[in-house]
Amino acid sequence: MKQAVALVRALRRITKVVASDLGLDPVLHEVMQLLLRMVPADDGSVMLLDRTGEWLIIRDSIAVPRWEVEHVRIRVGEGVAGRVAKLRRPIVIRDARTDRRFLQVPGQLSTIRSLVCVPLMADDKPIGVLNLTNRRRAGAFRKHDLELLLLLADHISLEVENHRLYELSVSDGLTGLYNHRFILRRLREEVSEAKRYRTPLSAVMLDLDYFKRIND
């Protein structure tokens, strides 16, 4: 009963967060914080496929060692996360010390005892994976933990894809900078806030000579 109540609260919180238009990274971070309160994990990460669709890269994480965030890149099909992305089904590693599917990343100093990894899907295609690890205890994740993660992964996947589509719509595909549509939207929001709270508002415009050469 307590777990059911916690699940409902988590879903309500996730729905509220994703509707807040905070941006993809703040949403992922908030979702990860909620998950770590509900399952016996020491840390967790969301890995998304890069533009080539060949590599998984950490987009957001909670308590994951900095070295791993900066250096870990996993090819689709390799390791646990790579297998999950390729096979499109979850994997639970009871003990990473004895499971051959787990591959230690060269240079990685921290240990992992148990791991659960579930796919993030959109339109029946993988877009990433959700990883939760326990670095001290084998067999930390049970069947009900996996069921919970699968339920939340569907919700997360939809919101990740929605935010990614939004980011594409408001940024330039060549430079990655925000486009005219985004600027107008933010300007309207800032003007509205300035009027509401009666605060001054300033705008700075820069004309960069020969910027087209940089684009080209």
N, C-alpha and C. Protein backbone atom coordinates (compact mmCIF):
# COMPACT_ATOMS: atom_id res chain seq x y z
N MET A 1 0.83 -1.19 0.00
CA MET A 1 0.00 0.00 0.00
C MET A 1 0.87 1.26 0.00
N LYS A 2 1.90 1.27 0.84
CA LYS A 2 2.79 2.41 0.92
C LYS A 2 3.50 2.65 -0.41
N GLN A 3 3.92 1.54 -1.05
CA GLN A 3 4.60 1.67 -2.33
C GLN A 3 3.67 2.21 -3.40
N ALA A 4 2.39 1.78 -3.37
CA ALA A 4 1.42 2.27 -4.34
C ALA A 4 1.19 3.76 -4.17
N VAL A 5 1.09 4.20 -2.93
CA VAL A 5 0.92 5.63 -2.65
C VAL A 5 2.14 6.41 -3.12
N ALA A 6 3.33 5.86 -2.85
CA ALA A 6 4.56 6.52 -3.27
C ALA A 6 4.65 6.61 -4.79
N LEU A 7 4.19 5.57 -5.48
CA LEU A 7 4.20 5.56 -6.93
C LEU A 7 3.27 6.63 -7.49
N VAL A 8 2.08 6.72 -6.94
CA VAL A 8 1.12 7.73 -7.40
C VAL A 8 1.68 9.13 -7.19
N ARG A 9 2.28 9.35 -6.05
CA ARG A 9 2.87 10.66 -5.76
C ARG A 9 4.01 10.97 -6.72
N ALA A 10 4.82 9.95 -7.00
CA ALA A 10 5.94 10.15 -7.92
C ALA A 10 5.44 10.49 -9.31
N LEU A 11 4.42 9.78 -9.78
CA LEU A 11 3.86 10.05 -11.10
C LEU A 11 3.26 11.45 -11.17
N ARG A 12 2.60 11.87 -10.11
CA ARG A 12 2.03 13.21 -10.07
C ARG A 12 3.14 14.26 -10.12
N ARG A 13 4.21 13.99 -9.36
CA ARG A 13 5.32 14.93 -9.34
C ARG A 13 6.01 15.00 -10.69
N ILE A 14 6.22 13.84 -11.32
CA ILE A 14 6.86 13.80 -12.63
C ILE A 14 6.02 14.55 -13.65
N THR A 15 4.70 14.33 -13.61
CA THR A 15 3.80 15.02 -14.54
C THR A 15 3.89 16.53 -14.36
N LYS A 16 3.96 16.97 -13.12
CA LYS A 16 4.06 18.39 -12.83
C LYS A 16 5.37 18.97 -13.32
N VAL A 17 6.46 18.21 -13.14
CA VAL A 17 7.77 18.69 -13.54
C VAL A 17 7.87 18.81 -15.06
N VAL A 18 7.42 17.78 -15.76
CA VAL A 18 7.55 17.80 -17.22
C VAL A 18 6.64 18.84 -17.85
N ALA A 19 5.59 19.23 -17.14
CA ALA A 19 4.69 20.25 -17.67
C ALA A 19 5.19 21.66 -17.36
N SER A 20 6.26 21.76 -16.61
CA SER A 20 6.75 23.08 -16.18
C SER A 20 7.60 23.77 -17.23
N ASP A 21 7.98 23.05 -18.30
CA ASP A 21 8.79 23.63 -19.37
C ASP A 21 10.14 24.12 -18.84
N LEU A 22 10.75 23.37 -17.93
CA LEU A 22 12.03 23.75 -17.37
C LEU A 22 13.18 23.47 -18.33
N GLY A 23 12.97 22.59 -19.27
CA GLY A 23 14.06 22.13 -20.12
C GLY A 23 14.38 20.68 -19.81
N LEU A 24 15.03 20.01 -20.73
CA LEU A 24 15.25 18.57 -20.59
C LEU A 24 16.11 18.22 -19.38
N ASP A 25 17.22 18.91 -19.19
CA ASP A 25 18.14 18.54 -18.12
C ASP A 25 17.54 18.70 -16.72
N PRO A 26 16.88 19.81 -16.39
CA PRO A 26 16.24 19.91 -15.07
C PRO A 26 15.18 18.85 -14.85
N VAL A 27 14.44 18.50 -15.90
CA VAL A 27 13.41 17.48 -15.78
C VAL A 27 14.04 16.12 -15.47
N LEU A 28 15.07 15.76 -16.22
CA LEU A 28 15.74 14.47 -15.98
C LEU A 28 16.31 14.41 -14.57
N HIS A 29 16.89 15.51 -14.12
CA HIS A 29 17.49 15.53 -12.79
C HIS A 29 16.43 15.33 -11.70
N GLU A 30 15.30 15.98 -11.86
CA GLU A 30 14.22 15.84 -10.88
C GLU A 30 13.68 14.41 -10.87
N VAL A 31 13.53 13.83 -12.05
CA VAL A 31 13.03 12.45 -12.14
C VAL A 31 14.01 11.48 -11.49
N MET A 32 15.31 11.69 -11.72
CA MET A 32 16.30 10.82 -11.12
C MET A 32 16.28 10.90 -9.60
N GLN A 33 16.09 12.09 -9.07
CA GLN A 33 16.01 12.25 -7.62
C GLN A 33 14.82 11.48 -7.06
N LEU A 34 13.70 11.53 -7.74
CA LEU A 34 12.51 10.79 -7.30
C LEU A 34 12.76 9.29 -7.31
N LEU A 35 13.40 8.80 -8.37
CA LEU A 35 13.65 7.37 -8.49
C LEU A 35 14.56 6.86 -7.39
N LEU A 36 15.58 7.63 -7.06
CA LEU A 36 16.53 7.17 -6.04
C LEU A 36 15.90 7.11 -4.65
N ARG A 37 14.79 7.78 -4.47
CA ARG A 37 14.09 7.68 -3.19
C ARG A 37 13.21 6.43 -3.13
N MET A 38 12.94 5.83 -4.28
CA MET A 38 11.98 4.74 -4.34
C MET A 38 12.60 3.36 -4.52
N VAL A 39 13.86 3.30 -4.95
CA VAL A 39 14.52 2.00 -5.17
C VAL A 39 15.85 1.99 -4.43
N PRO A 40 16.38 0.80 -4.11
CA PRO A 40 17.64 0.69 -3.34
C PRO A 40 18.88 0.93 -4.19
N ALA A 41 18.99 2.13 -4.76
CA ALA A 41 20.13 2.46 -5.62
C ALA A 41 21.00 3.52 -4.96
N ASP A 42 22.31 3.41 -5.19
CA ASP A 42 23.25 4.42 -4.70
C ASP A 42 23.35 5.58 -5.68
N ASP A 43 23.18 5.30 -6.95
CA ASP A 43 23.25 6.35 -7.97
C ASP A 43 22.51 5.91 -9.21
N GLY A 44 22.35 6.82 -10.12
CA GLY A 44 21.63 6.51 -11.35
C GLY A 44 21.97 7.50 -12.45
N SER A 45 21.69 7.09 -13.67
CA SER A 45 21.97 7.97 -14.80
C SER A 45 20.99 7.71 -15.93
N VAL A 46 20.80 8.73 -16.74
CA VAL A 46 20.05 8.61 -17.98
C VAL A 46 21.04 8.79 -19.11
N MET A 47 21.15 7.78 -19.96
CA MET A 47 22.03 7.85 -21.12
C MET A 47 21.17 7.94 -22.36
N LEU A 48 21.50 8.89 -23.23
CA LEU A 48 20.76 9.07 -24.47
C LEU A 48 21.66 8.78 -25.66
N LEU A 49 21.05 8.31 -26.73
CA LEU A 49 21.81 8.04 -27.95
C LEU A 49 22.27 9.35 -28.58
N ASP A 50 23.49 9.35 -29.11
CA ASP A 50 23.97 10.54 -29.81
C ASP A 50 23.33 10.61 -31.19
N ARG A 51 23.70 11.61 -31.96
CA ARG A 51 23.07 11.81 -33.27
C ARG A 51 23.33 10.68 -34.24
N THR A 52 24.44 9.96 -34.05
CA THR A 52 24.74 8.84 -34.94
C THR A 52 23.90 7.61 -34.61
N GLY A 53 23.35 7.57 -33.38
CA GLY A 53 22.60 6.41 -32.95
C GLY A 53 23.47 5.23 -32.59
N GLU A 54 24.79 5.44 -32.48
CA GLU A 54 25.73 4.36 -32.21
C GLU A 54 26.26 4.37 -30.79
N TRP A 55 26.19 5.51 -30.12
CA TRP A 55 26.80 5.64 -28.80
C TRP A 55 25.80 6.16 -27.78
N LEU A 56 25.90 5.61 -26.56
CA LEU A 56 25.12 6.10 -25.43
C LEU A 56 26.00 7.02 -24.60
N ILE A 57 25.48 8.22 -24.31
CA ILE A 57 26.23 9.21 -23.55
C ILE A 57 25.39 9.67 -22.37
N ILE A 58 26.00 9.82 -21.21
CA ILE A 58 25.27 10.25 -20.02
C ILE A 58 24.77 11.68 -20.20
N ARG A 59 23.46 11.85 -20.11
CA ARG A 59 22.86 13.18 -20.23
C ARG A 59 22.61 13.79 -18.84
N ASP A 60 22.25 12.94 -17.88
CA ASP A 60 22.07 13.43 -16.52
C ASP A 60 22.33 12.29 -15.55
N SER A 61 22.76 12.64 -14.33
CA SER A 61 23.06 11.61 -13.35
C SER A 61 22.92 12.16 -11.95
N ILE A 62 22.78 11.24 -11.01
CA ILE A 62 22.75 11.58 -9.58
C ILE A 62 23.78 10.70 -8.87
N ALA A 63 24.74 11.32 -8.21
CA ALA A 63 25.75 10.64 -7.39
C ALA A 63 26.71 9.76 -8.19
N VAL A 64 26.68 9.81 -9.49
CA VAL A 64 27.63 9.04 -10.31
C VAL A 64 28.99 9.74 -10.26
N PRO A 65 30.09 8.99 -10.03
CA PRO A 65 31.41 9.61 -9.99
C PRO A 65 31.69 10.47 -11.22
N ARG A 66 32.31 11.60 -10.99
CA ARG A 66 32.55 12.58 -12.06
C ARG A 66 33.31 11.97 -13.22
N TRP A 67 34.29 11.10 -12.92
CA TRP A 67 35.07 10.48 -13.99
C TRP A 67 34.16 9.73 -14.96
N GLU A 68 33.19 9.00 -14.43
CA GLU A 68 32.30 8.23 -15.27
C GLU A 68 31.43 9.14 -16.13
N VAL A 69 30.93 10.23 -15.54
CA VAL A 69 30.10 11.16 -16.30
C VAL A 69 30.87 11.74 -17.48
N GLU A 70 32.15 12.04 -17.27
CA GLU A 70 32.95 12.70 -18.29
C GLU A 70 33.53 11.74 -19.33
N HIS A 71 33.72 10.47 -18.96
CA HIS A 71 34.45 9.58 -19.85
C HIS A 71 33.66 8.38 -20.39
N VAL A 72 32.60 8.00 -19.71
CA VAL A 72 31.90 6.78 -20.13
C VAL A 72 31.05 7.05 -21.37
N ARG A 73 31.36 6.33 -22.42
CA ARG A 73 30.57 6.30 -23.65
C ARG A 73 30.44 4.83 -24.02
N ILE A 74 29.22 4.38 -24.25
CA ILE A 74 28.99 2.95 -24.48
C ILE A 74 28.40 2.75 -25.87
N ARG A 75 29.04 1.89 -26.63
CA ARG A 75 28.55 1.59 -27.97
C ARG A 75 27.33 0.67 -27.88
N VAL A 76 26.35 0.93 -28.72
CA VAL A 76 25.15 0.10 -28.75
C VAL A 76 25.54 -1.35 -29.04
N GLY A 77 25.05 -2.26 -28.20
CA GLY A 77 25.36 -3.68 -28.34
C GLY A 77 26.42 -4.17 -27.40
N GLU A 78 27.18 -3.22 -26.77
CA GLU A 78 28.26 -3.60 -25.87
C GLU A 78 27.89 -3.28 -24.42
N GLY A 79 28.36 -4.14 -23.50
CA GLY A 79 28.06 -3.91 -22.09
C GLY A 79 26.58 -4.06 -21.80
N VAL A 80 26.20 -3.78 -20.57
CA VAL A 80 24.80 -3.94 -20.18
C VAL A 80 23.92 -2.89 -20.85
N ALA A 81 24.30 -1.61 -20.73
CA ALA A 81 23.49 -0.55 -21.31
C ALA A 81 23.39 -0.68 -22.82
N GLY A 82 24.51 -1.04 -23.46
CA GLY A 82 24.51 -1.21 -24.91
C GLY A 82 23.61 -2.35 -25.36
N ARG A 83 23.60 -3.44 -24.58
CA ARG A 83 22.72 -4.57 -24.90
C ARG A 83 21.26 -4.19 -24.75
N VAL A 84 20.96 -3.43 -23.68
CA VAL A 84 19.58 -3.01 -23.45
C VAL A 84 19.08 -2.14 -24.60
N ALA A 85 19.93 -1.22 -25.06
CA ALA A 85 19.55 -0.36 -26.17
C ALA A 85 19.34 -1.15 -27.46
N LYS A 86 20.16 -2.17 -27.67
CA LYS A 86 20.05 -2.96 -28.89
C LYS A 86 18.88 -3.94 -28.83
N LEU A 87 18.74 -4.63 -27.72
CA LEU A 87 17.70 -5.66 -27.58
C LEU A 87 16.34 -5.08 -27.21
N ARG A 88 16.34 -3.83 -26.69
CA ARG A 88 15.11 -3.13 -26.32
C ARG A 88 14.35 -3.84 -25.20
N ARG A 89 15.10 -4.42 -24.28
CA ARG A 89 14.48 -5.04 -23.12
C ARG A 89 15.39 -4.86 -21.91
N PRO A 90 14.82 -4.85 -20.71
CA PRO A 90 15.61 -4.56 -19.51
C PRO A 90 16.54 -5.71 -19.14
N ILE A 91 17.57 -5.36 -18.39
CA ILE A 91 18.51 -6.35 -17.86
C ILE A 91 18.76 -6.02 -16.39
N VAL A 92 18.69 -7.06 -15.56
CA VAL A 92 19.02 -6.91 -14.14
C VAL A 92 20.27 -7.74 -13.87
N ILE A 93 21.32 -7.09 -13.38
CA ILE A 93 22.56 -7.77 -13.03
C ILE A 93 22.58 -7.95 -11.52
N ARG A 94 22.53 -9.21 -11.09
CA ARG A 94 22.51 -9.48 -9.65
C ARG A 94 23.87 -9.22 -9.01
N ASP A 95 24.95 -9.66 -9.68
CA ASP A 95 26.29 -9.45 -9.16
C ASP A 95 27.23 -9.19 -10.33
N ALA A 96 27.68 -7.94 -10.45
CA ALA A 96 28.53 -7.56 -11.58
C ALA A 96 29.88 -8.27 -11.55
N ARG A 97 30.28 -8.78 -10.40
CA ARG A 97 31.57 -9.45 -10.29
C ARG A 97 31.59 -10.79 -11.02
N THR A 98 30.43 -11.40 -11.18
CA THR A 98 30.38 -12.74 -11.77
C THR A 98 29.60 -12.78 -13.09
N ASP A 99 28.92 -11.69 -13.45
CA ASP A 99 28.11 -11.67 -14.66
C ASP A 99 28.95 -11.19 -15.85
N ARG A 100 29.08 -12.03 -16.85
CA ARG A 100 29.93 -11.71 -18.00
C ARG A 100 29.37 -10.60 -18.86
N ARG A 101 28.09 -10.30 -18.72
CA ARG A 101 27.51 -9.21 -19.52
C ARG A 101 28.00 -7.84 -19.07
N PHE A 102 28.48 -7.76 -17.84
CA PHE A 102 28.96 -6.49 -17.32
C PHE A 102 30.41 -6.28 -17.71
N LEU A 103 30.69 -5.13 -18.33
CA LEU A 103 32.04 -4.81 -18.75
C LEU A 103 32.53 -3.58 -17.99
N GLN A 104 33.65 -3.72 -17.29
CA GLN A 104 34.24 -2.59 -16.58
C GLN A 104 34.89 -1.66 -17.60
N VAL A 105 34.56 -0.38 -17.53
CA VAL A 105 35.12 0.60 -18.44
C VAL A 105 36.59 0.83 -18.08
N PRO A 106 37.50 0.78 -19.05
CA PRO A 106 38.92 1.01 -18.76
C PRO A 106 39.13 2.36 -18.07
N GLY A 107 39.83 2.36 -16.95
CA GLY A 107 40.07 3.58 -16.20
C GLY A 107 39.07 3.82 -15.09
N GLN A 108 37.99 3.05 -15.08
CA GLN A 108 36.96 3.21 -14.06
C GLN A 108 37.44 2.61 -12.73
N LEU A 109 37.47 3.43 -11.69
CA LEU A 109 37.99 3.00 -10.39
C LEU A 109 36.90 2.52 -9.45
N SER A 110 35.69 3.10 -9.55
CA SER A 110 34.61 2.72 -8.65
C SER A 110 34.04 1.37 -9.03
N THR A 111 33.52 0.64 -8.06
CA THR A 111 32.96 -0.68 -8.29
C THR A 111 31.44 -0.63 -8.36
N ILE A 112 30.87 -1.61 -9.02
CA ILE A 112 29.42 -1.77 -9.10
C ILE A 112 29.10 -3.22 -8.75
N ARG A 113 28.19 -3.43 -7.79
CA ARG A 113 27.82 -4.79 -7.41
C ARG A 113 26.56 -5.25 -8.14
N SER A 114 25.51 -4.44 -8.13
CA SER A 114 24.29 -4.82 -8.83
C SER A 114 23.77 -3.65 -9.66
N LEU A 115 23.04 -3.99 -10.71
CA LEU A 115 22.65 -2.99 -11.70
C LEU A 115 21.33 -3.37 -12.33
N VAL A 116 20.49 -2.36 -12.57
CA VAL A 116 19.28 -2.56 -13.36
C VAL A 116 19.27 -1.50 -14.45
N CYS A 117 18.98 -1.93 -15.65
CA CYS A 117 19.01 -1.03 -16.80
C CYS A 117 17.77 -1.29 -17.65
N VAL A 118 17.02 -0.24 -17.94
CA VAL A 118 15.80 -0.39 -18.73
C VAL A 118 15.87 0.54 -19.94
N PRO A 119 15.27 0.13 -21.06
CA PRO A 119 15.34 0.95 -22.27
C PRO A 119 14.36 2.12 -22.21
N LEU A 120 14.75 3.20 -22.86
CA LEU A 120 13.86 4.34 -23.08
C LEU A 120 13.49 4.31 -24.56
N MET A 121 12.19 4.22 -24.83
CA MET A 121 11.71 4.02 -26.19
C MET A 121 10.78 5.16 -26.61
N ALA A 122 10.83 5.48 -27.90
CA ALA A 122 9.90 6.45 -28.48
C ALA A 122 9.57 5.98 -29.90
N ASP A 123 8.29 5.83 -30.19
CA ASP A 123 7.86 5.32 -31.50
C ASP A 123 8.51 3.98 -31.83
N ASP A 124 8.58 3.12 -30.80
CA ASP A 124 9.15 1.78 -30.94
C ASP A 124 10.63 1.78 -31.29
N LYS A 125 11.31 2.89 -31.05
CA LYS A 125 12.73 2.98 -31.31
C LYS A 125 13.46 3.38 -30.03
N PRO A 126 14.64 2.82 -29.77
CA PRO A 126 15.38 3.19 -28.57
C PRO A 126 15.93 4.61 -28.67
N ILE A 127 15.80 5.37 -27.60
CA ILE A 127 16.38 6.71 -27.56
C ILE A 127 17.41 6.81 -26.43
N GLY A 128 17.47 5.79 -25.58
CA GLY A 128 18.43 5.81 -24.49
C GLY A 128 18.14 4.72 -23.49
N VAL A 129 18.78 4.81 -22.33
CA VAL A 129 18.58 3.82 -21.27
C VAL A 129 18.60 4.54 -19.92
N LEU A 130 17.94 3.91 -18.97
CA LEU A 130 17.94 4.38 -17.59
C LEU A 130 18.71 3.38 -16.76
N ASN A 131 19.77 3.83 -16.07
CA ASN A 131 20.63 2.96 -15.27
C ASN A 131 20.50 3.29 -13.79
N LEU A 132 20.35 2.28 -12.96
CA LEU A 132 20.40 2.44 -11.52
C LEU A 132 21.34 1.39 -10.96
N THR A 133 22.25 1.80 -10.08
CA THR A 133 23.26 0.87 -9.58
C THR A 133 23.33 0.89 -8.06
N ASN A 134 23.69 -0.25 -7.52
CA ASN A 134 24.04 -0.37 -6.11
C ASN A 134 25.49 -0.83 -6.08
N ARG A 135 26.35 -0.04 -5.49
CA ARG A 135 27.79 -0.29 -5.55
C ARG A 135 28.30 -1.13 -4.38
N ARG A 136 27.41 -1.48 -3.45
CA ARG A 136 27.85 -2.19 -2.25
C ARG A 136 27.24 -3.57 -2.09
N ARG A 137 26.03 -3.79 -2.62
CA ARG A 137 25.29 -5.01 -2.31
C ARG A 137 24.85 -5.74 -3.57
N ALA A 138 25.10 -7.04 -3.61
CA ALA A 138 24.63 -7.86 -4.71
C ALA A 138 23.14 -8.16 -4.52
N GLY A 139 22.43 -8.33 -5.62
CA GLY A 139 21.01 -8.66 -5.56
C GLY A 139 20.15 -7.58 -4.95
N ALA A 140 20.55 -6.33 -5.13
CA ALA A 140 19.82 -5.22 -4.49
C ALA A 140 18.45 -4.98 -5.12
N PHE A 141 18.32 -5.29 -6.40
CA PHE A 141 17.09 -4.96 -7.11
C PHE A 141 16.19 -6.19 -7.27
N ARG A 142 14.94 -6.03 -6.87
CA ARG A 142 13.97 -7.13 -6.93
C ARG A 142 12.99 -6.91 -8.09
N LYS A 143 12.08 -7.87 -8.24
CA LYS A 143 11.12 -7.83 -9.33
C LYS A 143 10.25 -6.58 -9.27
N HIS A 144 9.81 -6.19 -8.08
CA HIS A 144 8.92 -5.02 -7.99
C HIS A 144 9.68 -3.73 -8.32
N ASP A 145 11.01 -3.70 -8.08
CA ASP A 145 11.79 -2.53 -8.47
C ASP A 145 11.83 -2.40 -9.99
N LEU A 146 12.02 -3.53 -10.67
CA LEU A 146 12.05 -3.53 -12.13
C LEU A 146 10.69 -3.11 -12.70
N GLU A 147 9.61 -3.63 -12.14
CA GLU A 147 8.28 -3.26 -12.62
C GLU A 147 8.03 -1.76 -12.46
N LEU A 148 8.49 -1.21 -11.34
CA LEU A 148 8.34 0.22 -11.10
C LEU A 148 9.12 1.02 -12.14
N LEU A 149 10.34 0.61 -12.41
CA LEU A 149 11.18 1.32 -13.36
C LEU A 149 10.62 1.24 -14.78
N LEU A 150 10.08 0.09 -15.14
CA LEU A 150 9.49 -0.05 -16.47
C LEU A 150 8.29 0.88 -16.63
N LEU A 151 7.50 1.00 -15.58
CA LEU A 151 6.34 1.89 -15.63
C LEU A 151 6.78 3.34 -15.79
N LEU A 152 7.76 3.75 -15.00
CA LEU A 152 8.23 5.12 -15.07
C LEU A 152 9.03 5.39 -16.34
N ALA A 153 9.71 4.37 -16.86
CA ALA A 153 10.51 4.55 -18.07
C ALA A 153 9.64 4.94 -19.25
N ASP A 154 8.45 4.36 -19.35
CA ASP A 154 7.52 4.73 -20.43
C ASP A 154 7.17 6.20 -20.34
N HIS A 155 6.92 6.66 -19.13
CA HIS A 155 6.56 8.06 -18.92
C HIS A 155 7.76 8.97 -19.23
N ILE A 156 8.92 8.56 -18.74
CA ILE A 156 10.14 9.35 -18.96
C ILE A 156 10.46 9.44 -20.45
N SER A 157 10.34 8.31 -21.15
CA SER A 157 10.66 8.27 -22.58
C SER A 157 9.83 9.27 -23.37
N LEU A 158 8.55 9.32 -23.07
CA LEU A 158 7.67 10.25 -23.78
C LEU A 158 8.09 11.68 -23.55
N GLU A 159 8.41 12.02 -22.31
CA GLU A 159 8.79 13.39 -22.00
C GLU A 159 10.16 13.74 -22.55
N VAL A 160 11.10 12.77 -22.52
CA VAL A 160 12.41 13.01 -23.11
C VAL A 160 12.27 13.34 -24.59
N GLU A 161 11.46 12.56 -25.29
CA GLU A 161 11.28 12.79 -26.72
C GLU A 161 10.59 14.12 -26.97
N ASN A 162 9.59 14.46 -26.16
CA ASN A 162 8.91 15.74 -26.33
C ASN A 162 9.87 16.91 -26.15
N HIS A 163 10.70 16.81 -25.12
CA HIS A 163 11.66 17.89 -24.87
C HIS A 163 12.72 17.95 -25.96
N ARG A 164 13.13 16.80 -26.47
CA ARG A 164 14.12 16.79 -27.54
C ARG A 164 13.55 17.42 -28.80
N LEU A 165 12.30 17.13 -29.09
CA LEU A 165 11.66 17.75 -30.26
C LEU A 165 11.52 19.24 -30.08
N TYR A 166 11.22 19.66 -28.83
CA TYR A 166 11.13 21.09 -28.56
C TYR A 166 12.49 21.77 -28.74
N GLU A 167 13.54 21.12 -28.23
CA GLU A 167 14.88 21.70 -28.37
C GLU A 167 15.25 21.85 -29.84
N LEU A 168 14.88 20.88 -30.65
CA LEU A 168 15.15 20.97 -32.08
C LEU A 168 14.39 22.12 -32.73
N SER A 169 13.18 22.39 -32.25
CA SER A 169 12.35 23.43 -32.85
C SER A 169 12.81 24.84 -32.49
N VAL A 170 13.58 24.99 -31.41
CA VAL A 170 13.99 26.33 -30.98
C VAL A 170 15.50 26.53 -31.08
N SER A 171 16.20 25.65 -31.75
CA SER A 171 17.64 25.81 -31.90
C SER A 171 18.05 25.61 -33.35
N ASP A 172 19.16 26.21 -33.69
CA ASP A 172 19.70 26.10 -35.04
C ASP A 172 20.45 24.78 -35.19
N GLY A 173 20.12 24.04 -36.22
CA GLY A 173 20.72 22.72 -36.40
C GLY A 173 22.21 22.78 -36.68
N LEU A 174 22.70 23.90 -37.19
CA LEU A 174 24.12 24.02 -37.54
C LEU A 174 24.97 24.42 -36.35
N THR A 175 24.55 25.47 -35.63
CA THR A 175 25.35 26.01 -34.53
C THR A 175 24.92 25.52 -33.17
N GLY A 176 23.66 25.03 -33.06
CA GLY A 176 23.14 24.63 -31.76
C GLY A 176 22.65 25.80 -30.92
N LEU A 177 22.74 27.02 -31.47
CA LEU A 177 22.29 28.21 -30.76
C LEU A 177 20.77 28.35 -30.87
N TYR A 178 20.17 29.05 -29.91
CA TYR A 178 18.73 29.28 -29.95
C TYR A 178 18.38 30.14 -31.17
N ASN A 179 17.22 29.86 -31.76
CA ASN A 179 16.82 30.56 -32.97
C ASN A 179 15.88 31.72 -32.67
N HIS A 180 15.39 32.32 -33.75
CA HIS A 180 14.52 33.51 -33.66
C HIS A 180 13.23 33.20 -32.90
N ARG A 181 12.68 32.02 -33.10
CA ARG A 181 11.44 31.64 -32.42
C ARG A 181 11.63 31.63 -30.90
N PHE A 182 12.74 31.07 -30.46
CA PHE A 182 13.01 31.02 -29.02
C PHE A 182 13.21 32.43 -28.45
N ILE A 183 13.95 33.26 -29.18
CA ILE A 183 14.21 34.63 -28.70
C ILE A 183 12.91 35.40 -28.51
N LEU A 184 12.01 35.31 -29.49
CA LEU A 184 10.73 36.02 -29.37
C LEU A 184 9.92 35.50 -28.19
N ARG A 185 9.93 34.20 -27.99
CA ARG A 185 9.18 33.63 -26.88
C ARG A 185 9.72 34.10 -25.54
N ARG A 186 11.05 34.03 -25.37
CA ARG A 186 11.65 34.47 -24.12
C ARG A 186 11.46 35.96 -23.90
N LEU A 187 11.51 36.74 -24.99
CA LEU A 187 11.33 38.18 -24.85
C LEU A 187 9.93 38.51 -24.36
N ARG A 188 8.93 37.80 -24.89
CA ARG A 188 7.56 38.01 -24.42
C ARG A 188 7.42 37.67 -22.94
N GLU A 189 8.06 36.57 -22.53
CA GLU A 189 7.99 36.16 -21.13
C GLU A 189 8.66 37.19 -20.22
N GLU A 190 9.82 37.70 -20.64
CA GLU A 190 10.54 38.66 -19.81
C GLU A 190 9.79 39.99 -19.73
N VAL A 191 9.22 40.43 -20.84
CA VAL A 191 8.43 41.67 -20.83
C VAL A 191 7.23 41.52 -19.91
N SER A 192 6.59 40.35 -19.96
CA SER A 192 5.43 40.11 -19.11
C SER A 192 5.83 40.14 -17.63
N GLU A 193 6.96 39.51 -17.30
CA GLU A 193 7.44 39.50 -15.92
C GLU A 193 7.79 40.91 -15.45
N ALA A 194 8.43 41.69 -16.34
CA ALA A 194 8.82 43.05 -15.97
C ALA A 194 7.59 43.91 -15.69
N LYS A 195 6.55 43.75 -16.50
CA LYS A 195 5.32 44.51 -16.28
C LYS A 195 4.64 44.08 -14.99
N ARG A 196 4.63 42.76 -14.75
CA ARG A 196 3.94 42.24 -13.58
C ARG A 196 4.57 42.73 -12.28
N TYR A 197 5.89 42.69 -12.23
CA TYR A 197 6.59 43.06 -11.00
C TYR A 197 7.16 44.48 -11.03
N ARG A 198 6.88 45.20 -12.16
CA ARG A 198 7.31 46.58 -12.29
C ARG A 198 8.82 46.73 -12.08
N THR A 199 9.54 45.90 -12.80
CA THR A 199 11.00 45.94 -12.73
C THR A 199 11.56 46.35 -14.08
N PRO A 200 12.73 47.00 -14.09
CA PRO A 200 13.32 47.43 -15.37
C PRO A 200 13.77 46.23 -16.20
N LEU A 201 13.80 46.40 -17.50
CA LEU A 201 14.21 45.34 -18.42
C LEU A 201 15.12 45.93 -19.48
N SER A 202 16.25 45.30 -19.69
CA SER A 202 17.19 45.77 -20.70
C SER A 202 17.49 44.64 -21.69
N ALA A 203 17.81 45.02 -22.91
CA ALA A 203 18.19 44.06 -23.93
C ALA A 203 19.48 44.53 -24.59
N VAL A 204 20.38 43.60 -24.82
CA VAL A 204 21.65 43.91 -25.47
C VAL A 204 21.69 43.20 -26.81
N MET A 205 21.99 43.93 -27.87
CA MET A 205 22.09 43.35 -29.20
C MET A 205 23.51 43.53 -29.71
N LEU A 206 24.06 42.47 -30.27
CA LEU A 206 25.42 42.51 -30.81
C LEU A 206 25.39 42.17 -32.29
N ASP A 207 26.10 42.95 -33.07
CA ASP A 207 26.24 42.67 -34.49
C ASP A 207 27.65 42.12 -34.72
N LEU A 208 27.74 40.85 -35.02
CA LEU A 208 29.05 40.21 -35.19
C LEU A 208 29.44 40.23 -36.66
N ASP A 209 30.53 40.90 -36.97
CA ASP A 209 31.00 40.97 -38.34
C ASP A 209 31.48 39.60 -38.83
N TYR A 210 31.14 39.28 -40.04
CA TYR A 210 31.60 38.06 -40.71
C TYR A 210 31.17 36.78 -39.98
N PHE A 211 30.04 36.82 -39.28
CA PHE A 211 29.60 35.62 -38.54
C PHE A 211 29.24 34.49 -39.50
N LYS A 212 28.85 34.83 -40.72
CA LYS A 212 28.52 33.80 -41.69
C LYS A 212 29.73 32.90 -41.99
N ARG A 213 30.91 33.48 -41.92
CA ARG A 213 32.10 32.65 -42.14
C ARG A 213 32.24 31.59 -41.05
N ILE A 214 31.86 31.96 -39.83
CA ILE A 214 31.91 30.99 -38.72
C ILE A 214 30.91 29.88 -38.97
N ASN A 215 29.69 30.24 -39.38
CA ASN A 215 28.67 29.23 -39.71
C ASN A 215 29.18 28.30 -40.80
N ASP A 216 29.72 28.91 -41.86
CA ASP A 216 30.17 28.10 -43.00
C ASP A 216 31.34 27.19 -42.63
